[in-house]
Amino acid sequence: MAGGPEEDALRIRIDWCRCRGHGVCAELLGEVIVPDEWGYPLVRGPVPPELAGTARRAVSFCPALALSLVRGPVPR
């Protein structure tokens, strides 16, 4: 079904050229982002609507400016 919740999901996008694995995003948004064994973020899925404000905070607090929020279909 077109236009469903998966089509308009809020997602975290990581600019891998900028990310340095500081871990601030995982600390602030641990429900969606977990660190890998080297401290780099792994995004576990779309941002739940109730965590949109926290996701915006995680994006703005990234010391490397490596995160952004995007809307659109969840990649498969």
PDB file of N, CA and C in Angstrom:
ATOM      1  N   MET A   1       0.842  -1.177   0.000  1.00  0.00           N
ATOM      2  CA  MET A   1       0.000   0.000   0.000  1.00  0.00           C
ATOM      3  C   MET A   1       0.888   1.241   0.000  1.00  0.00           C
ATOM      4  N   ALA A   2       0.742   2.077  -0.957  1.00  0.00           N
ATOM      5  CA  ALA A   2       1.556   3.293  -1.070  1.00  0.00           C
ATOM      6  C   ALA A   2       1.137   4.312  -0.023  1.00  0.00           C
ATOM      7  N   GLY A   3       2.113   5.061   0.474  1.00  0.00           N
ATOM      8  CA  GLY A   3       1.823   6.118   1.427  1.00  0.00           C
ATOM      9  C   GLY A   3       1.693   5.650   2.868  1.00  0.00           C
ATOM     10  N   GLY A   4       2.036   4.400   3.145  1.00  0.00           N
ATOM     11  CA  GLY A   4       1.950   3.875   4.503  1.00  0.00           C
ATOM     12  C   GLY A   4       3.049   4.436   5.382  1.00  0.00           C
ATOM     13  N   PRO A   5       3.092   4.006   6.647  1.00  0.00           N
ATOM     14  CA  PRO A   5       4.082   4.529   7.584  1.00  0.00           C
ATOM     15  C   PRO A   5       5.521   4.265   7.155  1.00  0.00           C
ATOM     16  N   GLU A   6       5.775   3.163   6.459  1.00  0.00           N
ATOM     17  CA  GLU A   6       7.130   2.869   6.001  1.00  0.00           C
ATOM     18  C   GLU A   6       7.585   3.864   4.939  1.00  0.00           C
ATOM     19  N   GLU A   7       6.644   4.416   4.179  1.00  0.00           N
ATOM     20  CA  GLU A   7       6.976   5.356   3.114  1.00  0.00           C
ATOM     21  C   GLU A   7       7.400   6.719   3.658  1.00  0.00           C
ATOM     22  N   ASP A   8       6.968   7.063   4.850  1.00  0.00           N
ATOM     23  CA  ASP A   8       7.228   8.394   5.399  1.00  0.00           C
ATOM     24  C   ASP A   8       7.997   8.307   6.716  1.00  0.00           C
ATOM     25  N   ALA A   9       8.814   7.277   6.861  1.00  0.00           N
ATOM     26  CA  ALA A   9       9.543   7.072   8.112  1.00  0.00           C
ATOM     27  C   ALA A   9      10.639   8.121   8.285  1.00  0.00           C
ATOM     28  N   LEU A  10      10.829   8.564   9.515  1.00  0.00           N
ATOM     29  CA  LEU A  10      11.924   9.466   9.864  1.00  0.00           C
ATOM     30  C   LEU A  10      13.140   8.589  10.137  1.00  0.00           C
ATOM     31  N   ARG A  11      14.243   8.877   9.438  1.00  0.00           N
ATOM     32  CA  ARG A  11      15.429   8.043   9.565  1.00  0.00           C
ATOM     33  C   ARG A  11      16.657   8.896   9.843  1.00  0.00           C
ATOM     34  N   ILE A  12      17.637   8.280  10.472  1.00  0.00           N
ATOM     35  CA  ILE A  12      18.950   8.897  10.697  1.00  0.00           C
ATOM     36  C   ILE A  12      19.833   8.544   9.510  1.00  0.00           C
ATOM     37  N   ARG A  13      20.460   9.543   8.916  1.00  0.00           N
ATOM     38  CA  ARG A  13      21.437   9.307   7.851  1.00  0.00           C
ATOM     39  C   ARG A  13      22.811   9.689   8.394  1.00  0.00           C
ATOM     40  N   ILE A  14      23.797   8.855   8.119  1.00  0.00           N
ATOM     41  CA  ILE A  14      25.165   9.081   8.598  1.00  0.00           C
ATOM     42  C   ILE A  14      26.069   9.398   7.414  1.00  0.00           C
ATOM     43  N   ASP A  15      26.799  10.495   7.526  1.00  0.00           N
ATOM     44  CA  ASP A  15      27.817  10.846   6.536  1.00  0.00           C
ATOM     45  C   ASP A  15      29.108  10.174   7.009  1.00  0.00           C
ATOM     46  N   TRP A  16      29.453   9.049   6.389  1.00  0.00           N
ATOM     47  CA  TRP A  16      30.589   8.256   6.850  1.00  0.00           C
ATOM     48  C   TRP A  16      31.920   8.957   6.634  1.00  0.00           C
ATOM     49  N   CYS A  17      31.965   9.926   5.756  1.00  0.00           N
ATOM     50  CA  CYS A  17      33.217  10.692   5.570  1.00  0.00           C
ATOM     51  C   CYS A  17      33.478  11.620   6.758  1.00  0.00           C
ATOM     52  N   ARG A  18      32.419  12.002   7.467  1.00  0.00           N
ATOM     53  CA  ARG A  18      32.559  12.905   8.617  1.00  0.00           C
ATOM     54  C   ARG A  18      32.603  12.178   9.953  1.00  0.00           C
ATOM     55  N   CYS A  19      31.892  11.056  10.069  1.00  0.00           N
ATOM     56  CA  CYS A  19      31.756  10.366  11.356  1.00  0.00           C
ATOM     57  C   CYS A  19      33.117   9.929  11.882  1.00  0.00           C
ATOM     58  N   ARG A  20      33.335  10.201  13.173  1.00  0.00           N
ATOM     59  CA  ARG A  20      34.587   9.823  13.837  1.00  0.00           C
ATOM     60  C   ARG A  20      34.349   8.891  15.021  1.00  0.00           C
ATOM     61  N   GLY A  21      33.116   8.435  15.199  1.00  0.00           N
ATOM     62  CA  GLY A  21      32.822   7.466  16.248  1.00  0.00           C
ATOM     63  C   GLY A  21      32.867   8.028  17.652  1.00  0.00           C
ATOM     64  N   HIS A  22      32.484   9.295  17.817  1.00  0.00           N
ATOM     65  CA  HIS A  22      32.479   9.906  19.149  1.00  0.00           C
ATOM     66  C   HIS A  22      31.465   9.239  20.084  1.00  0.00           C
ATOM     67  N   GLY A  23      30.349   8.758  19.533  1.00  0.00           N
ATOM     68  CA  GLY A  23      29.358   8.041  20.328  1.00  0.00           C
ATOM     69  C   GLY A  23      28.273   8.879  20.967  1.00  0.00           C
ATOM     70  N   VAL A  24      28.273  10.179  20.714  1.00  0.00           N
ATOM     71  CA  VAL A  24      27.249  11.053  21.308  1.00  0.00           C
ATOM     72  C   VAL A  24      25.857  10.627  20.851  1.00  0.00           C
ATOM     73  N   CYS A  25      25.722  10.279  19.572  1.00  0.00           N
ATOM     74  CA  CYS A  25      24.410   9.891  19.042  1.00  0.00           C
ATOM     75  C   CYS A  25      23.869   8.647  19.746  1.00  0.00           C
ATOM     76  N   ALA A  26      24.732   7.676  19.979  1.00  0.00           N
ATOM     77  CA  ALA A  26      24.297   6.446  20.652  1.00  0.00           C
ATOM     78  C   ALA A  26      23.922   6.717  22.101  1.00  0.00           C
ATOM     79  N   GLU A  27      24.613   7.646  22.742  1.00  0.00           N
ATOM     80  CA  GLU A  27      24.263   8.005  24.122  1.00  0.00           C
ATOM     81  C   GLU A  27      22.908   8.691  24.193  1.00  0.00           C
ATOM     82  N   LEU A  28      22.631   9.573  23.242  1.00  0.00           N
ATOM     83  CA  LEU A  28      21.380  10.326  23.260  1.00  0.00           C
ATOM     84  C   LEU A  28      20.201   9.549  22.688  1.00  0.00           C
ATOM     85  N   LEU A  29      20.453   8.682  21.731  1.00  0.00           N
ATOM     86  CA  LEU A  29      19.371   8.000  21.019  1.00  0.00           C
ATOM     87  C   LEU A  29      19.632   6.497  20.966  1.00  0.00           C
ATOM     88  N   GLY A  30      19.896   5.933  22.117  1.00  0.00           N
ATOM     89  CA  GLY A  30      20.229   4.516  22.222  1.00  0.00           C
ATOM     90  C   GLY A  30      19.124   3.568  21.785  1.00  0.00           C
ATOM     91  N   GLU A  31      17.901   4.057  21.691  1.00  0.00           N
ATOM     92  CA  GLU A  31      16.798   3.213  21.224  1.00  0.00           C
ATOM     93  C   GLU A  31      16.910   2.937  19.722  1.00  0.00           C
ATOM     94  N   VAL A  32      17.633   3.787  19.008  1.00  0.00           N
ATOM     95  CA  VAL A  32      17.738   3.677  17.550  1.00  0.00           C
ATOM     96  C   VAL A  32      19.175   3.432  17.097  1.00  0.00           C
ATOM     97  N   ILE A  33      20.148   3.993  17.816  1.00  0.00           N
ATOM     98  CA  ILE A  33      21.552   3.905  17.413  1.00  0.00           C
ATOM     99  C   ILE A  33      22.350   3.170  18.490  1.00  0.00           C
ATOM    100  N   VAL A  34      23.103   2.180  18.063  1.00  0.00           N
ATOM    101  CA  VAL A  34      24.001   1.469  18.976  1.00  0.00           C
ATOM    102  C   VAL A  34      25.411   1.557  18.412  1.00  0.00           C
ATOM    103  N   PRO A  35      26.418   1.602  19.273  1.00  0.00           N
ATOM    104  CA  PRO A  35      27.791   1.653  18.762  1.00  0.00           C
ATOM    105  C   PRO A  35      28.277   0.260  18.360  1.00  0.00           C
ATOM    106  N   ASP A  36      29.089   0.220  17.308  1.00  0.00           N
ATOM    107  CA  ASP A  36      29.718  -1.054  16.967  1.00  0.00           C
ATOM    108  C   ASP A  36      30.943  -1.244  17.850  1.00  0.00           C
ATOM    109  N   GLU A  37      31.726  -2.253  17.593  1.00  0.00           N
ATOM    110  CA  GLU A  37      32.871  -2.550  18.465  1.00  0.00           C
ATOM    111  C   GLU A  37      33.947  -1.475  18.442  1.00  0.00           C
ATOM    112  N   TRP A  38      33.932  -0.583  17.442  1.00  0.00           N
ATOM    113  CA  TRP A  38      34.912   0.515  17.364  1.00  0.00           C
ATOM    114  C   TRP A  38      34.299   1.850  17.764  1.00  0.00           C
ATOM    115  N   GLY A  39      33.026   1.844  18.149  1.00  0.00           N
ATOM    116  CA  GLY A  39      32.358   3.068  18.576  1.00  0.00           C
ATOM    117  C   GLY A  39      31.579   3.782  17.487  1.00  0.00           C
ATOM    118  N   TYR A  40      31.564   3.241  16.277  1.00  0.00           N
ATOM    119  CA  TYR A  40      30.809   3.862  15.183  1.00  0.00           C
ATOM    120  C   TYR A  40      29.343   3.470  15.274  1.00  0.00           C
ATOM    121  N   PRO A  41      28.448   4.354  14.859  1.00  0.00           N
ATOM    122  CA  PRO A  41      27.013   4.112  15.034  1.00  0.00           C
ATOM    123  C   PRO A  41      26.442   3.089  14.064  1.00  0.00           C
ATOM    124  N   LEU A  42      25.556   2.268  14.590  1.00  0.00           N
ATOM    125  CA  LEU A  42      24.751   1.353  13.797  1.00  0.00           C
ATOM    126  C   LEU A  42      23.297   1.757  14.010  1.00  0.00           C
ATOM    127  N   VAL A  43      22.610   2.087  12.950  1.00  0.00           N
ATOM    128  CA  VAL A  43      21.211   2.506  13.039  1.00  0.00           C
ATOM    129  C   VAL A  43      20.344   1.261  12.932  1.00  0.00           C
ATOM    130  N   ARG A  44      19.495   1.053  13.938  1.00  0.00           N
ATOM    131  CA  ARG A  44      18.691  -0.170  14.011  1.00  0.00           C
ATOM    132  C   ARG A  44      17.345  -0.065  13.313  1.00  0.00           C
ATOM    133  N   GLY A  45      16.985   1.099  12.818  1.00  0.00           N
ATOM    134  CA  GLY A  45      15.695   1.239  12.140  1.00  0.00           C
ATOM    135  C   GLY A  45      15.250   2.683  12.125  1.00  0.00           C
ATOM    136  N   PRO A  46      14.014   2.901  11.700  1.00  0.00           N
ATOM    137  CA  PRO A  46      13.498   4.272  11.665  1.00  0.00           C
ATOM    138  C   PRO A  46      13.311   4.831  13.077  1.00  0.00           C
ATOM    139  N   VAL A  47      13.219   6.133  13.150  1.00  0.00           N
ATOM    140  CA  VAL A  47      13.016   6.827  14.429  1.00  0.00           C
ATOM    141  C   VAL A  47      11.527   6.785  14.763  1.00  0.00           C
ATOM    142  N   PRO A  48      11.153   6.225  15.901  1.00  0.00           N
ATOM    143  CA  PRO A  48       9.740   6.252  16.301  1.00  0.00           C
ATOM    144  C   PRO A  48       9.279   7.705  16.490  1.00  0.00           C
ATOM    145  N   PRO A  49       8.029   7.995  16.161  1.00  0.00           N
ATOM    146  CA  PRO A  49       7.528   9.374  16.277  1.00  0.00           C
ATOM    147  C   PRO A  49       7.754   9.992  17.649  1.00  0.00           C
ATOM    148  N   GLU A  50       7.652   9.203  18.704  1.00  0.00           N
ATOM    149  CA  GLU A  50       7.819   9.746  20.059  1.00  0.00           C
ATOM    150  C   GLU A  50       9.275  10.122  20.366  1.00  0.00           C
ATOM    151  N   LEU A  51      10.211   9.694  19.517  1.00  0.00           N
ATOM    152  CA  LEU A  51      11.625  10.023  19.725  1.00  0.00           C
ATOM    153  C   LEU A  51      12.150  11.046  18.714  1.00  0.00           C
ATOM    154  N   ALA A  52      11.258  11.677  17.965  1.00  0.00           N
ATOM    155  CA  ALA A  52      11.681  12.645  16.942  1.00  0.00           C
ATOM    156  C   ALA A  52      12.466  13.805  17.565  1.00  0.00           C
ATOM    157  N   GLY A  53      12.021  14.327  18.691  1.00  0.00           N
ATOM    158  CA  GLY A  53      12.734  15.422  19.356  1.00  0.00           C
ATOM    159  C   GLY A  53      14.114  15.000  19.826  1.00  0.00           C
ATOM    160  N   THR A  54      14.216  13.809  20.373  1.00  0.00           N
ATOM    161  CA  THR A  54      15.509  13.285  20.818  1.00  0.00           C
ATOM    162  C   THR A  54      16.429  13.062  19.620  1.00  0.00           C
ATOM    163  N   ALA A  55      15.865  12.604  18.510  1.00  0.00           N
ATOM    164  CA  ALA A  55      16.666  12.400  17.297  1.00  0.00           C
ATOM    165  C   ALA A  55      17.208  13.732  16.785  1.00  0.00           C
ATOM    166  N   ARG A  56      16.388  14.777  16.803  1.00  0.00           N
ATOM    167  CA  ARG A  56      16.865  16.111  16.385  1.00  0.00           C
ATOM    168  C   ARG A  56      17.992  16.585  17.298  1.00  0.00           C
ATOM    169  N   ARG A  57      17.885  16.307  18.575  1.00  0.00           N
ATOM    170  CA  ARG A  57      18.935  16.681  19.529  1.00  0.00           C
ATOM    171  C   ARG A  57      20.226  15.914  19.223  1.00  0.00           C
ATOM    172  N   ALA A  58      20.123  14.623  18.951  1.00  0.00           N
ATOM    173  CA  ALA A  58      21.306  13.819  18.629  1.00  0.00           C
ATOM    174  C   ALA A  58      21.992  14.348  17.377  1.00  0.00           C
ATOM    175  N   VAL A  59      21.202  14.723  16.372  1.00  0.00           N
ATOM    176  CA  VAL A  59      21.770  15.281  15.142  1.00  0.00           C
ATOM    177  C   VAL A  59      22.496  16.585  15.441  1.00  0.00           C
ATOM    178  N   SER A  60      21.883  17.450  16.227  1.00  0.00           N
ATOM    179  CA  SER A  60      22.496  18.760  16.493  1.00  0.00           C
ATOM    180  C   SER A  60      23.705  18.675  17.419  1.00  0.00           C
ATOM    181  N   PHE A  61      23.793  17.631  18.234  1.00  0.00           N
ATOM    182  CA  PHE A  61      24.915  17.496  19.172  1.00  0.00           C
ATOM    183  C   PHE A  61      26.098  16.719  18.593  1.00  0.00           C
ATOM    184  N   CYS A  62      25.966  16.187  17.385  1.00  0.00           N
ATOM    185  CA  CYS A  62      27.065  15.424  16.793  1.00  0.00           C
ATOM    186  C   CYS A  62      28.271  16.339  16.598  1.00  0.00           C
ATOM    187  N   PRO A  63      29.405  16.065  17.255  1.00  0.00           N
ATOM    188  CA  PRO A  63      30.564  16.941  17.143  1.00  0.00           C
ATOM    189  C   PRO A  63      31.172  16.972  15.745  1.00  0.00           C
ATOM    190  N   ALA A  64      30.922  15.940  14.939  1.00  0.00           N
ATOM    191  CA  ALA A  64      31.482  15.883  13.582  1.00  0.00           C
ATOM    192  C   ALA A  64      30.477  16.330  12.517  1.00  0.00           C
ATOM    193  N   LEU A  65      29.264  16.701  12.944  1.00  0.00           N
ATOM    194  CA  LEU A  65      28.193  17.087  12.017  1.00  0.00           C
ATOM    195  C   LEU A  65      27.947  15.998  10.968  1.00  0.00           C
ATOM    196  N   ALA A  66      27.968  14.752  11.427  1.00  0.00           N
ATOM    197  CA  ALA A  66      27.862  13.608  10.527  1.00  0.00           C
ATOM    198  C   ALA A  66      26.449  13.059  10.394  1.00  0.00           C
ATOM    199  N   LEU A  67      25.515  13.574  11.164  1.00  0.00           N
ATOM    200  CA  LEU A  67      24.160  13.027  11.151  1.00  0.00           C
ATOM    201  C   LEU A  67      23.171  13.993  10.529  1.00  0.00           C
ATOM    202  N   SER A  68      22.134  13.417   9.910  1.00  0.00           N
ATOM    203  CA  SER A  68      21.007  14.215   9.445  1.00  0.00           C
ATOM    204  C   SER A  68      19.757  13.360   9.576  1.00  0.00           C
ATOM    205  N   LEU A  69      18.625  14.030   9.586  1.00  0.00           N
ATOM    206  CA  LEU A  69      17.333  13.348   9.611  1.00  0.00           C
ATOM    207  C   LEU A  69      16.718  13.467   8.230  1.00  0.00           C
ATOM    208  N   VAL A  70      16.198  12.368   7.736  1.00  0.00           N
ATOM    209  CA  VAL A  70      15.540  12.348   6.428  1.00  0.00           C
ATOM    210  C   VAL A  70      14.219  11.610   6.552  1.00  0.00           C
ATOM    211  N   ARG A  71      13.294  11.945   5.673  1.00  0.00           N
ATOM    212  CA  ARG A  71      12.029  11.229   5.596  1.00  0.00           C
ATOM    213  C   ARG A  71      11.996  10.466   4.287  1.00  0.00           C
ATOM    214  N   GLY A  72      11.433   9.304   4.341  1.00  0.00           N
ATOM    215  CA  GLY A  72      11.307   8.520   3.114  1.00  0.00           C
ATOM    216  C   GLY A  72      11.247   7.043   3.421  1.00  0.00           C
ATOM    217  N   PRO A  73      11.202   6.255   2.377  1.00  0.00           N
ATOM    218  CA  PRO A  73      11.093   4.817   2.577  1.00  0.00           C
ATOM    219  C   PRO A  73      12.303   4.245   3.286  1.00  0.00           C
ATOM    220  N   VAL A  74      12.060   3.255   4.084  1.00  0.00           N
ATOM    221  CA  VAL A  74      13.133   2.573   4.798  1.00  0.00           C
ATOM    222  C   VAL A  74      13.828   1.654   3.799  1.00  0.00           C
ATOM    223  N   PRO A  75      15.166   1.771   3.652  1.00  0.00           N
ATOM    224  CA  PRO A  75      15.861   0.883   2.723  1.00  0.00           C
ATOM    225  C   PRO A  75      15.743  -0.577   3.160  1.00  0.00           C
ATOM    226  N   ARG A  76      15.650  -1.452   2.211  1.00  0.00           N
ATOM    227  CA  ARG A  76      15.530  -2.893   2.530  1.00  0.00           C
ATOM    228  C   ARG A  76      16.799  -3.606   2.237  1.00  0.00           C
TER     229      ARG A  76
END
